[in-house]
Amino acid sequence: MLKSTNLTFQYPHGPSFGFPDIACEAAKHLLLLGESGSGKTTLLHLLAGMLRPTGGAVHIAGQDTTALSSKAMDKFRGQHVGIIFQTAHFVQSLTVEDNLILPQFLSGRSVDRAKARDVISRLNLGHKLREKPGNLSIGEQQRVAIARALVNDPDVILADEPTSALDDKNAEEVIRMLEEQASLTRASLIIVTHDQRLKDRFLNRVTL
């Protein structure tokens, strides 16, 4: 599960934020909603340990992540957190398959190409494994990024606008897969979104 308490963040020479407490149990879903500038992405990065809060704490799988060093947090994130960014980022010189197994390698796990192929096939992109990311459409890149976030069976899945680049059919496939993965591995699924299709689907919400 994921839980945050009394989180605050101050950007140097920029805005400051105070966030409501977040709690998302294992195998549950939560939407983070808010207008532009409300700090949704900042909060997601705090939950992921990519930013260190000015105050407060984040607990994932019983670990206070704000107490970890940067190096320890990087390793913990690789083992326990799957992140889907609004804009997909890849090592462009690697194939789709090699980008998928990169989280396994970086987190110290055994490389399991069969697992990577299974995850990407469930998103109907198994035929793209040998392609370079730059040869994919924006929607295909987003689905590969989602597969990469799921390949280590994380305890927490954090998704920033995961369906914004997808049509209705592919958005439905992606959300179904995220729900299934959260249920299968008992992961907490937290989604930042403006997508009305998602707002209508999930009842558990926090508005910033």
C-alpha atoms as a PDB file:
ATOM      1  CA  MET A   1       0.000   0.000   0.000  1.00  0.00           C
ATOM      2  CA  LEU A   2       0.938   3.664  -0.250  1.00  0.00           C
ATOM      3  CA  LYS A   3       0.325   6.314   2.365  1.00  0.00           C
ATOM      4  CA  SER A   4       1.427   9.934   2.603  1.00  0.00           C
ATOM      5  CA  THR A   5       1.020  12.300   5.559  1.00  0.00           C
ATOM      6  CA  ASN A   6       1.436  16.066   5.854  1.00  0.00           C
ATOM      7  CA  LEU A   7       3.347  16.365   2.565  1.00  0.00           C
ATOM      8  CA  THR A   8       4.664  19.801   1.651  1.00  0.00           C
ATOM      9  CA  PHE A   9       7.050  20.916  -1.077  1.00  0.00           C
ATOM     10  CA  GLN A  10       8.787  24.181  -1.880  1.00  0.00           C
ATOM     11  CA  TYR A  11      10.390  24.802  -5.255  1.00  0.00           C
ATOM     12  CA  PRO A  12      13.503  26.996  -5.045  1.00  0.00           C
ATOM     13  CA  HIS A  13      12.364  30.519  -5.941  1.00  0.00           C
ATOM     14  CA  GLY A  14       9.032  28.978  -7.000  1.00  0.00           C
ATOM     15  CA  PRO A  15       5.637  27.897  -5.709  1.00  0.00           C
ATOM     16  CA  SER A  16       5.036  25.952  -2.531  1.00  0.00           C
ATOM     17  CA  PHE A  17       2.478  23.203  -2.086  1.00  0.00           C
ATOM     18  CA  GLY A  18       0.685  21.502   0.761  1.00  0.00           C
ATOM     19  CA  PHE A  19      -1.052  18.259  -0.097  1.00  0.00           C
ATOM     20  CA  PRO A  20      -3.929  16.302   1.433  1.00  0.00           C
ATOM     21  CA  ASP A  21      -3.025  12.966   2.971  1.00  0.00           C
ATOM     22  CA  ILE A  22      -3.123  10.078   0.495  1.00  0.00           C
ATOM     23  CA  ALA A  23      -3.923   6.460   1.288  1.00  0.00           C
ATOM     24  CA  CYS A  24      -4.286   3.706  -1.292  1.00  0.00           C
ATOM     25  CA  GLU A  25      -4.539   0.133  -0.088  1.00  0.00           C
ATOM     26  CA  ALA A  26      -3.129  -2.878  -1.896  1.00  0.00           C
ATOM     27  CA  ALA A  27      -5.138  -3.775  -5.034  1.00  0.00           C
ATOM     28  CA  LYS A  28      -7.075  -0.465  -4.827  1.00  0.00           C
ATOM     29  CA  HIS A  29      -7.263   2.472  -7.233  1.00  0.00           C
ATOM     30  CA  LEU A  30      -7.099   6.241  -6.661  1.00  0.00           C
ATOM     31  CA  LEU A  31      -7.461   9.197  -9.014  1.00  0.00           C
ATOM     32  CA  LEU A  32      -5.661  12.479  -8.349  1.00  0.00           C
ATOM     33  CA  LEU A  33      -7.604  15.351  -9.890  1.00  0.00           C
ATOM     34  CA  GLY A  34      -6.935  19.077 -10.086  1.00  0.00           C
ATOM     35  CA  GLU A  35      -6.585  22.073 -12.326  1.00  0.00           C
ATOM     36  CA  SER A  36      -3.344  22.972 -14.079  1.00  0.00           C
ATOM     37  CA  GLY A  37      -0.867  24.288 -11.521  1.00  0.00           C
ATOM     38  CA  SER A  38      -2.482  22.487  -8.596  1.00  0.00           C
ATOM     39  CA  GLY A  39       0.600  20.300  -8.108  1.00  0.00           C
ATOM     40  CA  LYS A  40      -0.672  16.940  -9.351  1.00  0.00           C
ATOM     41  CA  THR A  41       2.553  15.960 -11.084  1.00  0.00           C
ATOM     42  CA  THR A  42       4.619  17.342  -8.201  1.00  0.00           C
ATOM     43  CA  LEU A  43       2.663  15.121  -5.824  1.00  0.00           C
ATOM     44  CA  LEU A  44       3.190  12.107  -8.070  1.00  0.00           C
ATOM     45  CA  HIS A  45       6.941  12.751  -8.106  1.00  0.00           C
ATOM     46  CA  LEU A  46       6.952  13.062  -4.313  1.00  0.00           C
ATOM     47  CA  LEU A  47       5.113   9.759  -3.979  1.00  0.00           C
ATOM     48  CA  ALA A  48       7.636   8.159  -6.350  1.00  0.00           C
ATOM     49  CA  GLY A  49      10.590   9.516  -4.382  1.00  0.00           C
ATOM     50  CA  MET A  50      11.819  11.523  -7.368  1.00  0.00           C
ATOM     51  CA  LEU A  51      11.422  14.684  -5.313  1.00  0.00           C
ATOM     52  CA  ARG A  52      12.171  14.930  -1.599  1.00  0.00           C
ATOM     53  CA  PRO A  53       9.408  16.700   0.356  1.00  0.00           C
ATOM     54  CA  THR A  54      10.012  19.801   2.424  1.00  0.00           C
ATOM     55  CA  GLY A  55       7.957  18.140   5.119  1.00  0.00           C
ATOM     56  CA  GLY A  56       5.881  15.039   5.742  1.00  0.00           C
ATOM     57  CA  ALA A  57       6.400  11.380   4.896  1.00  0.00           C
ATOM     58  CA  VAL A  58       5.575   8.740   2.284  1.00  0.00           C
ATOM     59  CA  HIS A  59       5.252   5.060   3.165  1.00  0.00           C
ATOM     60  CA  ILE A  60       5.316   2.344   0.494  1.00  0.00           C
ATOM     61  CA  ALA A  61       5.061  -1.313   1.477  1.00  0.00           C
ATOM     62  CA  GLY A  62       5.796  -0.295   5.063  1.00  0.00           C
ATOM     63  CA  GLN A  63       8.950   1.672   4.203  1.00  0.00           C
ATOM     64  CA  ASP A  64       9.260   5.396   4.962  1.00  0.00           C
ATOM     65  CA  THR A  65      10.801   6.359   1.640  1.00  0.00           C
ATOM     66  CA  THR A  66      11.613   9.889   2.785  1.00  0.00           C
ATOM     67  CA  ALA A  67      14.154   8.371   5.197  1.00  0.00           C
ATOM     68  CA  LEU A  68      16.112   6.656   2.406  1.00  0.00           C
ATOM     69  CA  SER A  69      19.253   8.035   0.803  1.00  0.00           C
ATOM     70  CA  SER A  70      19.071   8.915  -2.882  1.00  0.00           C
ATOM     71  CA  LYS A  71      20.912   5.725  -3.832  1.00  0.00           C
ATOM     72  CA  ALA A  72      18.719   3.550  -1.599  1.00  0.00           C
ATOM     73  CA  MET A  73      15.602   5.259  -2.958  1.00  0.00           C
ATOM     74  CA  ASP A  74      16.642   4.560  -6.546  1.00  0.00           C
ATOM     75  CA  LYS A  75      16.985   0.860  -5.743  1.00  0.00           C
ATOM     76  CA  PHE A  76      13.744   0.776  -3.740  1.00  0.00           C
ATOM     77  CA  ARG A  77      11.880   2.517  -6.563  1.00  0.00           C
ATOM     78  CA  GLY A  78      13.142   0.020  -9.104  1.00  0.00           C
ATOM     79  CA  GLN A  79      11.942  -2.872  -6.975  1.00  0.00           C
ATOM     80  CA  HIS A  80       8.624  -1.527  -5.705  1.00  0.00           C
ATOM     81  CA  VAL A  81       7.334   1.362  -7.864  1.00  0.00           C
ATOM     82  CA  GLY A  82       6.228   1.437 -11.496  1.00  0.00           C
ATOM     83  CA  ILE A  83       6.010   4.931 -13.005  1.00  0.00           C
ATOM     84  CA  ILE A  84       4.204   5.937 -16.188  1.00  0.00           C
ATOM     85  CA  PHE A  85       5.144   9.467 -17.227  1.00  0.00           C
ATOM     86  CA  GLN A  86       2.923  11.724 -19.303  1.00  0.00           C
ATOM     87  CA  THR A  87       5.654  11.798 -21.960  1.00  0.00           C
ATOM     88  CA  ALA A  88       7.389   8.485 -22.558  1.00  0.00           C
ATOM     89  CA  HIS A  89      11.197   8.377 -22.172  1.00  0.00           C
ATOM     90  CA  PHE A  90      13.314   5.620 -23.710  1.00  0.00           C
ATOM     91  CA  VAL A  91      16.902   4.752 -24.511  1.00  0.00           C
ATOM     92  CA  GLN A  92      16.493   5.399 -28.210  1.00  0.00           C
ATOM     93  CA  SER A  93      19.444   3.217 -29.240  1.00  0.00           C
ATOM     94  CA  LEU A  94      17.807   0.131 -27.680  1.00  0.00           C
ATOM     95  CA  THR A  95      14.971  -1.952 -29.077  1.00  0.00           C
ATOM     96  CA  VAL A  96      11.549  -1.989 -27.450  1.00  0.00           C
ATOM     97  CA  GLU A  97      12.378  -5.355 -25.878  1.00  0.00           C
ATOM     98  CA  ASP A  98      15.647  -4.104 -24.400  1.00  0.00           C
ATOM     99  CA  ASN A  99      13.901  -1.008 -23.018  1.00  0.00           C
ATOM    100  CA  LEU A 100      11.396  -3.323 -21.357  1.00  0.00           C
ATOM    101  CA  ILE A 101      14.000  -5.421 -19.588  1.00  0.00           C
ATOM    102  CA  LEU A 102      16.039  -2.390 -18.494  1.00  0.00           C
ATOM    103  CA  PRO A 103      14.044  -1.990 -15.222  1.00  0.00           C
ATOM    104  CA  GLN A 104      14.811  -5.630 -14.376  1.00  0.00           C
ATOM    105  CA  PHE A 105      18.519  -5.047 -14.877  1.00  0.00           C
ATOM    106  CA  LEU A 106      18.621  -1.716 -12.991  1.00  0.00           C
ATOM    107  CA  SER A 107      16.722  -3.093  -9.989  1.00  0.00           C
ATOM    108  CA  GLY A 108      19.097  -6.039  -9.653  1.00  0.00           C
ATOM    109  CA  ARG A 109      16.561  -8.648 -10.719  1.00  0.00           C
ATOM    110  CA  SER A 110      17.205 -11.510 -13.091  1.00  0.00           C
ATOM    111  CA  VAL A 111      16.449 -10.520 -16.668  1.00  0.00           C
ATOM    112  CA  ASP A 112      13.235 -12.242 -17.774  1.00  0.00           C
ATOM    113  CA  ARG A 113      12.614 -11.616 -21.458  1.00  0.00           C
ATOM    114  CA  ALA A 114       9.593 -13.923 -21.454  1.00  0.00           C
ATOM    115  CA  LYS A 115       7.925 -11.712 -18.842  1.00  0.00           C
ATOM    116  CA  ALA A 116       8.646  -8.594 -20.891  1.00  0.00           C
ATOM    117  CA  ARG A 117       7.214 -10.226 -24.019  1.00  0.00           C
ATOM    118  CA  ASP A 118       4.101 -11.321 -22.161  1.00  0.00           C
ATOM    119  CA  VAL A 119       3.421  -7.835 -20.785  1.00  0.00           C
ATOM    120  CA  ILE A 120       3.895  -6.099 -24.144  1.00  0.00           C
ATOM    121  CA  SER A 121       1.792  -8.728 -25.931  1.00  0.00           C
ATOM    122  CA  ARG A 122      -1.110  -7.993 -23.582  1.00  0.00           C
ATOM    123  CA  LEU A 123      -0.979  -4.445 -24.941  1.00  0.00           C
ATOM    124  CA  ASN A 124      -1.076  -5.746 -28.530  1.00  0.00           C
ATOM    125  CA  LEU A 125       2.479  -4.678 -29.349  1.00  0.00           C
ATOM    126  CA  GLY A 126       4.302  -7.999 -29.399  1.00  0.00           C
ATOM    127  CA  HIS A 127       5.119  -7.443 -33.073  1.00  0.00           C
ATOM    128  CA  LYS A 128       7.063  -4.279 -32.193  1.00  0.00           C
ATOM    129  CA  LEU A 129       9.670  -5.886 -29.905  1.00  0.00           C
ATOM    130  CA  ARG A 130      12.524  -5.465 -32.395  1.00  0.00           C
ATOM    131  CA  GLU A 131      11.619  -1.895 -33.300  1.00  0.00           C
ATOM    132  CA  LYS A 132      13.383   1.186 -31.942  1.00  0.00           C
ATOM    133  CA  PRO A 133      11.087   3.462 -29.876  1.00  0.00           C
ATOM    134  CA  GLY A 134      11.508   6.307 -32.360  1.00  0.00           C
ATOM    135  CA  ASN A 135       9.765   4.212 -35.026  1.00  0.00           C
ATOM    136  CA  LEU A 136       6.591   3.914 -32.942  1.00  0.00           C
ATOM    137  CA  SER A 137       3.596   6.218 -32.896  1.00  0.00           C
ATOM    138  CA  ILE A 138       2.984   8.345 -29.800  1.00  0.00           C
ATOM    139  CA  GLY A 139       0.207   6.003 -28.706  1.00  0.00           C
ATOM    140  CA  GLU A 140       2.422   2.949 -29.190  1.00  0.00           C
ATOM    141  CA  GLN A 141       5.215   4.586 -27.207  1.00  0.00           C
ATOM    142  CA  GLN A 142       2.796   5.230 -24.348  1.00  0.00           C
ATOM    143  CA  ARG A 143       1.731   1.580 -24.296  1.00  0.00           C
ATOM    144  CA  VAL A 144       5.389   0.471 -24.249  1.00  0.00           C
ATOM    145  CA  ALA A 145       6.006   2.856 -21.332  1.00  0.00           C
ATOM    146  CA  ILE A 146       3.086   1.284 -19.477  1.00  0.00           C
ATOM    147  CA  ALA A 147       4.432  -2.207 -20.132  1.00  0.00           C
ATOM    148  CA  ARG A 148       7.848  -1.137 -18.844  1.00  0.00           C
ATOM    149  CA  ALA A 149       6.289   0.190 -15.638  1.00  0.00           C
ATOM    150  CA  LEU A 150       4.553  -3.142 -15.028  1.00  0.00           C
ATOM    151  CA  VAL A 151       7.375  -5.543 -15.881  1.00  0.00           C
ATOM    152  CA  ASN A 152       8.712  -5.770 -12.293  1.00  0.00           C
ATOM    153  CA  ASP A 153       5.267  -6.372 -10.714  1.00  0.00           C
ATOM    154  CA  PRO A 154       5.523  -3.216  -8.574  1.00  0.00           C
ATOM    155  CA  ASP A 155       3.749  -2.722  -5.250  1.00  0.00           C
ATOM    156  CA  VAL A 156       2.691   0.751  -6.376  1.00  0.00           C
ATOM    157  CA  ILE A 157       1.810   1.911  -9.906  1.00  0.00           C
ATOM    158  CA  LEU A 158       1.927   5.685 -10.459  1.00  0.00           C
ATOM    159  CA  ALA A 159       0.524   6.942 -13.756  1.00  0.00           C
ATOM    160  CA  ASP A 160       0.580  10.528 -15.040  1.00  0.00           C
ATOM    161  CA  GLU A 161      -2.130  10.915 -17.711  1.00  0.00           C
ATOM    162  CA  PRO A 162      -1.617   7.348 -19.026  1.00  0.00           C
ATOM    163  CA  THR A 163      -4.451   7.563 -21.580  1.00  0.00           C
ATOM    164  CA  SER A 164      -4.013  11.124 -22.867  1.00  0.00           C
ATOM    165  CA  ALA A 165      -2.432  10.006 -26.166  1.00  0.00           C
ATOM    166  CA  LEU A 166      -4.733   7.030 -26.736  1.00  0.00           C
ATOM    167  CA  ASP A 167      -7.971   6.547 -28.635  1.00  0.00           C
ATOM    168  CA  ASP A 168     -10.993   5.012 -26.918  1.00  0.00           C
ATOM    169  CA  LYS A 169     -10.119   1.420 -27.815  1.00  0.00           C
ATOM    170  CA  ASN A 170      -6.514   1.596 -26.646  1.00  0.00           C
ATOM    171  CA  ALA A 171      -7.427   3.669 -23.587  1.00  0.00           C
ATOM    172  CA  GLU A 172      -9.851   0.929 -22.564  1.00  0.00           C
ATOM    173  CA  GLU A 173      -7.159  -1.736 -23.068  1.00  0.00           C
ATOM    174  CA  VAL A 174      -4.625   0.211 -21.015  1.00  0.00           C
ATOM    175  CA  ILE A 175      -6.960   0.919 -18.104  1.00  0.00           C
ATOM    176  CA  ARG A 176      -8.167  -2.678 -18.085  1.00  0.00           C
ATOM    177  CA  MET A 177      -4.571  -3.889 -17.982  1.00  0.00           C
ATOM    178  CA  LEU A 178      -3.642  -1.489 -15.169  1.00  0.00           C
ATOM    179  CA  GLU A 179      -6.643  -2.655 -13.167  1.00  0.00           C
ATOM    180  CA  GLU A 180      -5.834  -6.308 -13.816  1.00  0.00           C
ATOM    181  CA  GLN A 181      -2.194  -5.823 -12.868  1.00  0.00           C
ATOM    182  CA  ALA A 182      -3.120  -4.030  -9.650  1.00  0.00           C
ATOM    183  CA  SER A 183      -5.480  -6.863  -8.779  1.00  0.00           C
ATOM    184  CA  LEU A 184      -3.073  -9.633  -9.800  1.00  0.00           C
ATOM    185  CA  THR A 185      -0.078  -8.326  -7.825  1.00  0.00           C
ATOM    186  CA  ARG A 186      -2.093  -6.471  -5.152  1.00  0.00           C
ATOM    187  CA  ALA A 187      -0.548  -3.182  -6.219  1.00  0.00           C
ATOM    188  CA  SER A 188      -1.849   0.260  -5.326  1.00  0.00           C
ATOM    189  CA  LEU A 189      -2.786   2.106  -8.534  1.00  0.00           C
ATOM    190  CA  ILE A 190      -2.678   5.920  -8.448  1.00  0.00           C
ATOM    191  CA  ILE A 191      -3.541   7.898 -11.579  1.00  0.00           C
ATOM    192  CA  VAL A 192      -3.203  11.616 -12.292  1.00  0.00           C
ATOM    193  CA  THR A 193      -5.675  12.515 -15.029  1.00  0.00           C
ATOM    194  CA  HIS A 194      -7.854  15.033 -16.799  1.00  0.00           C
ATOM    195  CA  ASP A 195      -9.382  12.239 -18.903  1.00  0.00           C
ATOM    196  CA  GLN A 196     -13.142  12.191 -18.460  1.00  0.00           C
ATOM    197  CA  ARG A 197     -13.187   8.536 -19.465  1.00  0.00           C
ATOM    198  CA  LEU A 198     -11.232   7.743 -16.299  1.00  0.00           C
ATOM    199  CA  LYS A 199     -13.143  10.127 -14.056  1.00  0.00           C
ATOM    200  CA  ASP A 200     -16.330   8.255 -14.897  1.00  0.00           C
ATOM    201  CA  ARG A 201     -14.706   4.880 -14.176  1.00  0.00           C
ATOM    202  CA  PHE A 202     -13.085   5.365 -10.759  1.00  0.00           C
ATOM    203  CA  LEU A 203     -14.976   6.463  -7.684  1.00  0.00           C
ATOM    204  CA  ASN A 204     -12.043   6.831  -5.275  1.00  0.00           C
ATOM    205  CA  ARG A 205     -10.693  10.350  -5.907  1.00  0.00           C
ATOM    206  CA  VAL A 206      -8.638  13.103  -4.325  1.00  0.00           C
ATOM    207  CA  THR A 207      -8.991  16.635  -5.688  1.00  0.00           C
ATOM    208  CA  LEU A 208      -6.098  19.038  -5.147  1.00  0.00           C
END
